[in-house]
Protein backbone atom coordinates (compact mmCIF):
# COMPACT_ATOMS: atom_id res chain seq x y z
CA MET A 1 129.12 87.75 111.86
CA ASP A 2 131.78 90.47 111.54
CA ALA A 3 131.34 94.02 112.80
CA VAL A 4 130.97 95.60 109.35
CA LEU A 5 128.21 93.21 108.28
CA LEU A 6 126.45 93.63 111.63
CA ARG A 7 126.51 97.42 111.21
CA VAL A 8 125.16 97.16 107.65
CA LEU A 9 122.39 94.83 108.83
CA CYS A 10 121.34 97.13 111.68
CA VAL A 11 121.31 100.26 109.53
CA THR A 12 119.49 98.53 106.68
CA ALA A 13 116.90 97.12 109.08
CA VAL A 14 116.13 100.59 110.47
CA ILE A 15 115.80 102.04 106.98
CA GLN A 16 113.55 99.22 105.77
CA LEU A 17 111.37 99.48 108.87
CA ILE A 18 110.90 103.21 108.29
CA ALA A 19 110.46 102.94 104.52
CA TRP A 20 107.94 100.09 104.53
CA GLY A 21 106.20 101.29 107.69
CA THR A 22 105.63 104.82 106.42
CA ALA A 23 104.48 103.57 103.01
CA SER A 24 101.72 101.53 104.68
CA LEU A 25 99.90 104.56 106.11
CA LEU A 26 96.83 104.09 103.88
CA ALA A 27 95.81 101.03 105.87
CA ILE A 28 95.25 103.35 108.85
CA VAL A 29 94.34 106.79 107.48
CA GLY A 30 93.02 106.02 103.99
CA ILE A 31 89.36 106.61 104.89
CA ARG A 32 90.16 109.92 106.62
CA MET A 33 92.18 111.03 103.61
CA ALA A 34 89.27 110.23 101.29
CA ALA A 35 86.94 112.45 103.31
CA ASP A 36 89.40 115.35 103.42
CA LEU A 37 90.39 115.14 99.76
CA GLY A 38 86.84 114.72 98.44
CA MET A 39 87.79 111.44 96.78
CA ASP A 40 86.12 108.06 97.13
CA VAL A 41 87.84 105.41 99.21
CA PRO A 42 88.85 103.07 96.33
CA THR A 43 90.49 106.00 94.52
CA VAL A 44 92.50 106.91 97.61
CA PHE A 45 93.61 103.31 98.06
CA ALA A 46 94.69 103.29 94.41
CA GLY A 47 97.66 105.27 95.68
CA SER A 48 99.18 101.95 96.71
CA THR A 49 98.56 100.58 93.22
CA VAL A 50 100.40 103.55 91.71
CA PHE A 51 103.19 103.02 94.24
CA TYR A 52 103.78 99.38 93.29
CA CYS A 53 103.34 99.93 89.55
CA VAL A 54 105.85 102.78 89.45
CA MET A 55 108.24 100.83 91.65
CA GLY A 56 107.98 97.84 89.32
CA VAL A 57 108.52 99.89 86.16
CA CYS A 58 111.49 101.79 87.59
CA SER A 59 113.32 98.84 89.16
CA PRO A 60 114.65 97.32 85.90
CA VAL A 61 115.74 100.77 84.72
CA LEU A 62 117.80 101.21 87.90
CA GLY A 63 119.49 97.81 87.59
CA LYS A 64 122.58 99.20 85.85
CA GLY A 65 122.76 101.98 88.42
CA PHE A 66 123.00 99.45 91.24
CA VAL A 67 125.82 97.67 89.40
CA ARG A 68 127.71 100.86 88.55
CA HIS A 69 127.20 102.97 91.68
CA GLY A 70 126.36 100.43 94.38
CA ALA A 71 123.29 100.05 96.56
CA ARG A 72 124.29 102.65 99.17
CA ARG A 73 124.32 105.57 96.72
CA MET A 74 121.13 104.40 95.02
CA MET A 75 119.36 104.16 98.38
CA MET A 76 120.51 107.67 99.26
CA ALA A 77 118.96 108.93 96.02
CA GLY A 78 115.75 107.07 96.83
CA THR A 79 115.59 108.67 100.27
CA LEU A 80 115.97 112.13 98.74
CA VAL A 81 112.90 111.42 96.58
CA ALA A 82 110.81 109.94 99.42
CA GLY A 83 110.79 113.16 101.44
CA PRO A 84 109.20 115.27 98.67
CA GLY A 85 106.81 112.39 97.95
CA PHE A 86 105.32 112.50 101.44
CA ALA A 87 105.38 116.30 101.38
CA LEU A 88 103.36 116.33 98.17
CA ILE A 89 100.78 113.97 99.67
CA ALA A 90 100.58 116.20 102.76
CA LEU A 91 99.92 119.25 100.57
CA SER A 92 97.52 117.55 98.17
CA ASN A 93 93.99 118.84 97.72
CA GLY A 94 92.87 116.53 94.93
CA PRO A 95 93.81 113.53 92.79
CA LEU A 96 96.62 115.13 90.74
CA PRO A 97 99.03 116.08 93.56
CA TYR A 98 97.95 113.03 95.54
CA PHE A 99 98.92 110.55 92.83
CA ALA A 100 102.02 112.59 91.98
CA GLY A 101 103.14 112.05 95.57
CA TRP A 102 102.62 108.30 95.31
CA THR A 103 104.50 108.32 92.00
CA LEU A 104 107.50 109.87 93.75
CA LEU A 105 107.23 107.28 96.52
CA GLY A 106 107.21 104.53 93.88
CA ILE A 107 110.38 105.94 92.31
CA SER A 108 111.90 106.15 95.77
CA GLY A 109 110.89 102.59 96.62
CA SER A 110 112.56 101.18 93.54
CA ALA A 111 115.85 102.64 94.79
CA MET A 112 115.64 101.95 98.53
CA LEU A 113 113.20 99.16 99.43
CA SER A 114 113.56 95.37 99.37
CA THR A 115 115.46 95.00 96.09
CA ALA A 116 117.98 97.66 97.09
CA ALA A 117 118.38 96.20 100.58
CA ALA A 118 119.01 92.73 99.16
CA ILE A 119 121.65 94.09 96.77
CA LEU A 120 123.33 96.01 99.60
CA ILE A 121 123.47 92.91 101.79
CA HIS A 122 124.85 90.86 98.90
CA GLU A 123 127.53 93.48 98.23
CA THR A 124 128.61 93.29 101.87
CA ALA A 125 128.10 89.64 102.77
CA GLY A 126 128.94 87.85 99.53
CA ALA A 127 128.64 84.10 100.14
CA ARG A 128 127.00 84.77 103.53
CA ALA A 129 124.21 86.81 101.97
CA GLN A 130 121.45 84.22 102.45
CA ARG A 131 121.88 84.08 106.22
CA ALA A 132 122.30 87.86 106.42
CA MET A 133 119.10 88.43 104.44
CA GLY A 134 117.27 86.07 106.77
CA ALA A 135 118.38 88.23 109.69
CA LEU A 136 117.21 91.37 107.89
CA MET A 137 113.80 89.81 107.20
CA LEU A 138 113.33 89.13 110.91
CA ALA A 139 113.43 92.86 111.59
CA THR A 140 111.55 94.15 108.56
CA GLY A 141 108.68 91.74 109.20
CA LEU A 142 107.75 93.96 112.12
CA SER A 143 107.25 97.15 110.08
CA SER A 144 103.45 97.09 110.12
CA SER A 145 103.38 96.02 113.77
CA LEU A 146 105.40 99.13 114.66
CA PHE A 147 104.07 101.71 112.22
CA TRP A 148 100.35 100.94 112.09
CA PRO A 149 99.85 101.93 115.74
CA THR A 150 102.34 104.79 115.31
CA THR A 151 100.39 106.13 112.34
CA ALA A 152 97.12 105.80 114.26
CA VAL A 153 98.47 107.75 117.24
CA LEU A 154 100.02 110.51 115.11
CA ALA A 155 96.87 110.87 113.00
CA ASP A 156 94.67 111.06 116.11
CA LEU A 157 96.90 113.73 117.64
CA TRP A 158 97.68 115.95 114.64
CA GLY A 159 95.94 114.57 111.56
CA TRP A 160 97.17 112.66 108.54
CA ARG A 161 98.79 115.67 106.85
CA VAL A 162 101.12 116.30 109.79
CA THR A 163 101.78 112.57 109.90
CA CYS A 164 102.95 112.73 106.27
CA TRP A 165 105.24 115.66 107.12
CA ILE A 166 106.70 113.67 110.01
CA TYR A 167 107.31 110.71 107.70
CA ALA A 168 109.00 112.98 105.17
CA GLY A 169 111.24 114.18 107.99
CA LEU A 170 112.06 110.62 109.04
CA HIS A 171 113.39 109.87 105.57
CA LEU A 172 115.49 113.02 105.33
CA ALA A 173 116.60 113.35 108.96
CA VAL A 174 117.08 109.66 109.85
CA CYS A 175 117.42 107.47 106.76
CA LEU A 176 119.61 109.80 104.71
CA PRO A 177 122.25 110.41 107.45
CA LEU A 178 122.34 106.70 108.27
CA LEU A 179 123.04 105.85 104.64
CA ALA A 180 125.57 108.64 104.25
CA PHE A 181 127.54 108.22 107.47
CA ALA A 182 126.73 104.90 109.16
CA LEU A 183 127.26 102.58 106.19
CA PRO A 184 130.74 101.81 104.89
CA ALA A 185 131.67 102.99 101.43
CA ARG A 186 131.46 100.41 98.69
CA THR A 187 134.29 97.94 99.12
CA PRO A 188 136.99 97.81 96.43
CA ALA A 189 136.13 94.17 95.81
CA ALA A 190 132.48 94.96 95.20
CA ALA A 191 133.30 97.87 92.94
CA ALA A 192 135.76 95.81 90.95
CA ALA A 193 133.23 93.03 90.52
CA ALA A 194 130.53 95.30 89.14
CA PRO A 195 131.77 95.97 85.61
CA THR A 196 133.24 92.52 85.04
CA GLU A 197 131.68 89.17 84.49
CA ALA A 198 132.92 86.11 86.36
CA VAL A 199 133.71 82.98 84.38
CA PRO A 200 131.59 80.01 85.39
CA ALA A 201 133.01 76.58 86.06
CA LYS A 202 130.97 75.33 83.10
CA PRO A 203 129.36 77.90 80.79
CA ALA A 204 125.58 77.61 80.85
CA PRO A 205 123.87 77.31 77.47
CA ARG A 206 122.03 80.45 76.41
CA LEU A 207 118.73 78.58 76.35
CA GLY A 208 119.40 77.36 79.89
CA ARG A 209 119.99 80.91 81.09
CA LYS A 210 116.73 82.10 79.54
CA ARG A 211 114.76 79.25 81.05
CA THR A 212 116.37 79.75 84.44
CA PHE A 213 115.41 83.41 84.54
CA SER A 214 111.90 82.82 83.17
CA LEU A 215 111.15 80.10 85.72
CA MET A 216 112.56 82.20 88.56
CA MET A 217 110.61 85.28 87.53
CA THR A 218 107.39 83.27 87.20
CA ALA A 219 107.72 81.71 90.65
CA ILE A 220 108.63 84.94 92.45
CA ALA A 221 106.03 87.11 90.69
CA LEU A 222 103.17 84.64 91.21
CA ASN A 223 104.06 84.23 94.87
CA GLY A 224 104.02 88.00 95.35
CA PHE A 225 100.66 88.17 93.56
CA VAL A 226 99.11 85.64 95.97
CA ALA A 227 100.81 86.96 99.12
CA PHE A 228 99.86 90.62 98.66
CA GLY A 229 96.36 89.70 97.50
CA PHE A 230 95.73 87.54 100.55
CA ASN A 231 97.27 90.07 102.94
CA ALA A 232 94.86 92.75 101.72
CA ILE A 233 91.73 90.64 102.25
CA PHE A 234 92.83 88.28 105.01
CA ILE A 235 90.53 89.58 107.75
CA GLU A 236 87.54 89.76 105.39
CA LEU A 237 88.31 86.26 104.10
CA LEU A 238 88.26 84.90 107.65
CA LYS A 239 84.89 86.57 108.24
CA VAL A 240 83.44 85.07 105.06
CA GLU A 241 84.74 81.67 106.13
CA GLY A 242 82.68 81.92 109.32
CA VAL A 243 85.04 83.45 111.87
CA PRO A 244 83.23 86.02 114.08
CA PRO A 245 84.45 89.58 113.39
CA GLU A 246 86.03 90.05 116.83
CA ARG A 247 87.90 86.76 116.47
CA ALA A 248 88.86 87.45 112.85
CA VAL A 249 91.02 90.39 113.90
CA ALA A 250 92.67 88.33 116.65
CA VAL A 251 93.32 85.35 114.38
CA GLY A 252 94.53 87.58 111.56
CA SER A 253 96.98 89.32 113.88
CA LEU A 254 98.72 85.99 114.38
CA LEU A 255 99.73 85.98 110.72
CA GLY A 256 102.64 88.36 111.25
CA VAL A 257 103.91 86.33 114.21
CA LEU A 258 103.80 83.14 112.15
CA GLN A 259 105.58 84.80 109.23
CA VAL A 260 108.38 86.02 111.47
CA SER A 261 108.56 82.56 113.09
CA ALA A 262 109.13 80.98 109.69
CA ARG A 263 111.90 83.48 109.01
CA VAL A 264 113.50 82.55 112.35
CA ILE A 265 113.53 78.89 111.31
CA ASP A 266 115.12 79.76 107.97
CA PHE A 267 117.67 82.00 109.69
CA LEU A 268 118.63 79.34 112.23
CA GLY A 269 119.16 76.94 109.35
CA GLY A 270 122.17 78.99 108.35
CA GLY A 271 123.85 77.55 105.27
CA ARG A 272 122.28 74.11 105.53
CA TRP A 273 120.00 74.84 102.57
CA ASP A 274 119.83 77.44 99.82
CA GLY A 275 117.08 79.80 98.73
CA LEU A 276 115.67 77.36 96.19
CA THR A 277 115.18 74.71 98.88
CA THR A 278 113.47 77.29 101.10
CA GLY A 279 111.22 78.25 98.20
CA LEU A 280 110.24 74.65 97.49
CA TRP A 281 109.22 73.94 101.08
CA ALA A 282 107.50 77.32 101.47
CA GLY A 283 105.74 76.89 98.13
CA SER A 284 104.40 73.52 99.26
CA PHE A 285 102.92 75.14 102.37
CA ILE A 286 101.36 77.96 100.33
CA LEU A 287 99.80 75.42 97.95
CA ALA A 288 98.38 73.42 100.85
CA ALA A 289 96.91 76.47 102.63
CA PRO A 290 94.02 77.35 100.25
CA LEU A 291 93.21 73.65 99.83
CA ILE A 292 92.82 73.43 103.61
CA ALA A 293 90.62 76.55 103.62
CA LEU A 294 88.40 75.05 100.93
CA MET A 295 87.62 72.21 103.34
CA ALA A 296 86.95 74.46 106.35
CA ASP A 297 83.15 74.67 106.07
CA GLY A 298 83.05 77.01 109.08
CA SER A 299 85.32 74.88 111.28
CA LEU A 300 87.50 77.15 113.41
CA LEU A 301 90.00 74.33 113.87
CA VAL A 302 90.49 73.92 110.12
CA ILE A 303 90.65 77.69 109.63
CA GLY A 304 93.30 77.85 112.35
CA LEU A 305 95.29 75.21 110.47
CA PHE A 306 94.94 77.28 107.29
CA VAL A 307 96.31 80.38 109.05
CA LEU A 308 99.20 78.36 110.51
CA VAL A 309 100.23 76.77 107.21
CA TYR A 310 99.77 79.95 105.18
CA GLY A 311 101.65 82.12 107.69
CA LEU A 312 104.64 79.79 107.82
CA GLY A 313 104.70 79.43 104.04
CA THR A 314 104.50 83.12 103.20
CA GLY A 315 106.99 84.05 105.90
CA ALA A 316 109.61 81.68 104.52
CA PHE A 317 108.91 82.59 100.88
CA ALA A 318 109.42 86.28 101.65
CA VAL A 319 113.05 85.37 102.35
CA ALA A 320 113.22 83.06 99.32
CA ARG A 321 112.18 85.87 96.95
CA SER A 322 115.52 87.52 97.66
CA THR A 323 117.67 84.41 98.11
CA ILE A 324 116.58 82.24 95.16
CA PRO A 325 118.52 84.44 92.68
CA LEU A 326 121.63 83.97 94.87
CA VAL A 327 121.66 80.33 93.79
CA PHE A 328 122.03 81.25 90.13
CA TYR A 329 123.78 84.61 89.78
CA ASP A 330 127.04 86.25 90.79
CA GLN A 331 127.19 89.71 92.36
CA ALA A 332 126.80 91.86 89.24
CA ALA A 333 124.18 89.63 87.63
CA TYR A 334 122.29 89.31 90.93
CA ALA A 335 121.64 93.05 91.05
CA ARG A 336 120.35 93.07 87.47
CA ALA A 337 118.25 89.94 88.00
CA LEU A 338 116.58 91.25 91.15
CA SER A 339 115.90 94.62 89.51
CA THR A 340 114.35 92.97 86.44
CA ILE A 341 112.22 90.57 88.48
CA ALA A 342 110.91 93.55 90.45
CA LEU A 343 108.80 94.69 87.48
CA PRO A 344 106.40 91.70 87.28
CA LEU A 345 106.60 91.24 91.06
CA ASN A 346 105.44 94.77 91.83
CA ILE A 347 102.83 94.78 89.07
CA GLY A 348 101.38 91.62 90.61
CA CYS A 349 101.48 93.17 94.07
CA ALA A 350 99.63 96.21 92.69
CA ILE A 351 96.77 94.42 90.95
CA SER A 352 96.12 91.49 93.29
CA PRO A 353 94.53 93.35 96.27
CA PRO A 354 91.66 94.94 94.28
CA LEU A 355 91.27 91.75 92.22
CA PHE A 356 91.09 89.50 95.29
CA MET A 357 88.71 91.87 97.06
CA GLY A 358 86.46 92.12 94.01
CA MET A 359 86.33 88.34 93.64
CA LEU A 360 85.62 87.90 97.35
CA LEU A 361 82.70 90.34 97.22
CA GLU A 362 81.27 89.27 93.86
CA THR A 363 81.86 85.50 93.65
CA GLY A 364 82.79 84.45 97.18
CA ALA A 365 85.76 82.98 99.01
CA HIS A 366 85.95 79.77 96.98
CA SER A 367 86.86 81.59 93.77
CA VAL A 368 89.67 83.44 95.57
CA LEU A 369 90.97 80.22 97.10
CA LEU A 370 90.86 78.42 93.75
CA LEU A 371 92.79 81.24 92.06
CA ALA A 372 95.38 81.16 94.85
CA THR A 373 95.66 77.39 94.50
CA ALA A 374 96.26 77.64 90.74
CA CYS A 375 98.93 80.32 91.20
CA ALA A 376 100.62 78.36 93.99
CA LEU A 377 100.64 75.22 91.84
CA VAL A 378 102.35 77.03 88.95
CA THR A 379 104.81 78.58 91.41
CA LEU A 380 105.76 75.20 92.85
CA ALA A 381 106.07 73.67 89.38
CA ALA A 382 108.41 76.48 88.29
CA LEU A 383 110.58 76.00 91.38
CA ALA A 384 110.71 72.25 90.82
CA ALA A 385 111.80 72.83 87.22
CA LEU A 386 114.52 75.22 88.43
CA ARG A 387 116.29 72.38 90.22
CA GLN A 388 117.68 71.01 86.95
CA PHE A 389 119.35 74.37 86.27
CA ARG A 390 120.98 74.72 89.71
CA PRO A 391 124.64 75.47 88.87
CA GLN A 392 127.77 74.52 90.74
CA ARG A 393 128.69 78.20 90.58
CA ALA A 394 126.67 81.33 89.97
CA ILE A 395 125.63 82.09 86.41
CA PRO A 396 127.52 85.23 85.34
CA GLU A 397 125.26 86.47 82.57
CA LEU A 398 121.66 87.57 82.84
CA THR A 399 119.62 87.11 79.69
CA PRO A 400 115.97 87.63 80.61
CA THR A 401 114.50 88.22 77.20
CA GLY A 402 116.88 86.84 74.64
């Protein structure tokens, strides 16, 4: 790994850790915020729903900006919006400024979070992007492990409003200078590639391009729907399945370790397999996990197997969500594809937590597990169908809708 790519990876990892870690503050201080703002808890937690919805809507709009201006400049713009977003939340005294702050954070996220990071790595690494993204995922998988306790300590010392001000400062005083001065300017090769379209070895039929994109979008969006839904209810699901509350927290905490472990395996694989292969194996694990849980019947051993299989599957698929498009698209089309896929992905991530929690409380764990199984089955079928469209070279044109 050359020095430039290593520097880009390190800087991007720090920015993603800060951006994702600070955006997860509701998991720690949401109940306190509800009391202070005079809002009920579900309404406060709807801030995350606004965040993901806005991020999903804005991402396709910003696709051309990533192609024209490059990821570094777009991420700088996103950072400039994140600071005022946290400041507005810190100053909020009711729903209007509160949700306005989350709206700004959603706009910011569309320009600087996972999609932007993947595009930046692809601009820098080119053919080595899959391995580089695997390395980035190893670091960003620790965001909640680092920032949840940090948020708890800051909120205990100075309150959640000061915590929001500190997080606004992190974006403006740490992320922005890193993007402006620590990252290299866009390379001439990357800039030259943006407005032009590469010529494929064998032009793909228009219908093939549409099917490729539709299958890819379906698989990635459904996986995000299941992953974010499960992550939101995982501890409660374990309790419903018969795990004692004190053990549920301990078992649930292993999930992050397992997810990072799966990313390590994918990273060590290097170029031996592509993102589609990773997605197929990970999708198989994710399909097996709820089926295992359905057979648990209170058995801690079976529940442990469920956590193991699910953690490995979701950890690997988190990498695949960014690397599957690398199999099919060149540099310019990759940025547009990832930005377009972000809309259904983020919408799914926004609606699945309240849906999964509502189903768990109203109809029980089995209904949640059956829904997850159905989604995982469709995901795996879409990935299997994608194999017939795997090109010898990247597809240069993105045609998502016709």
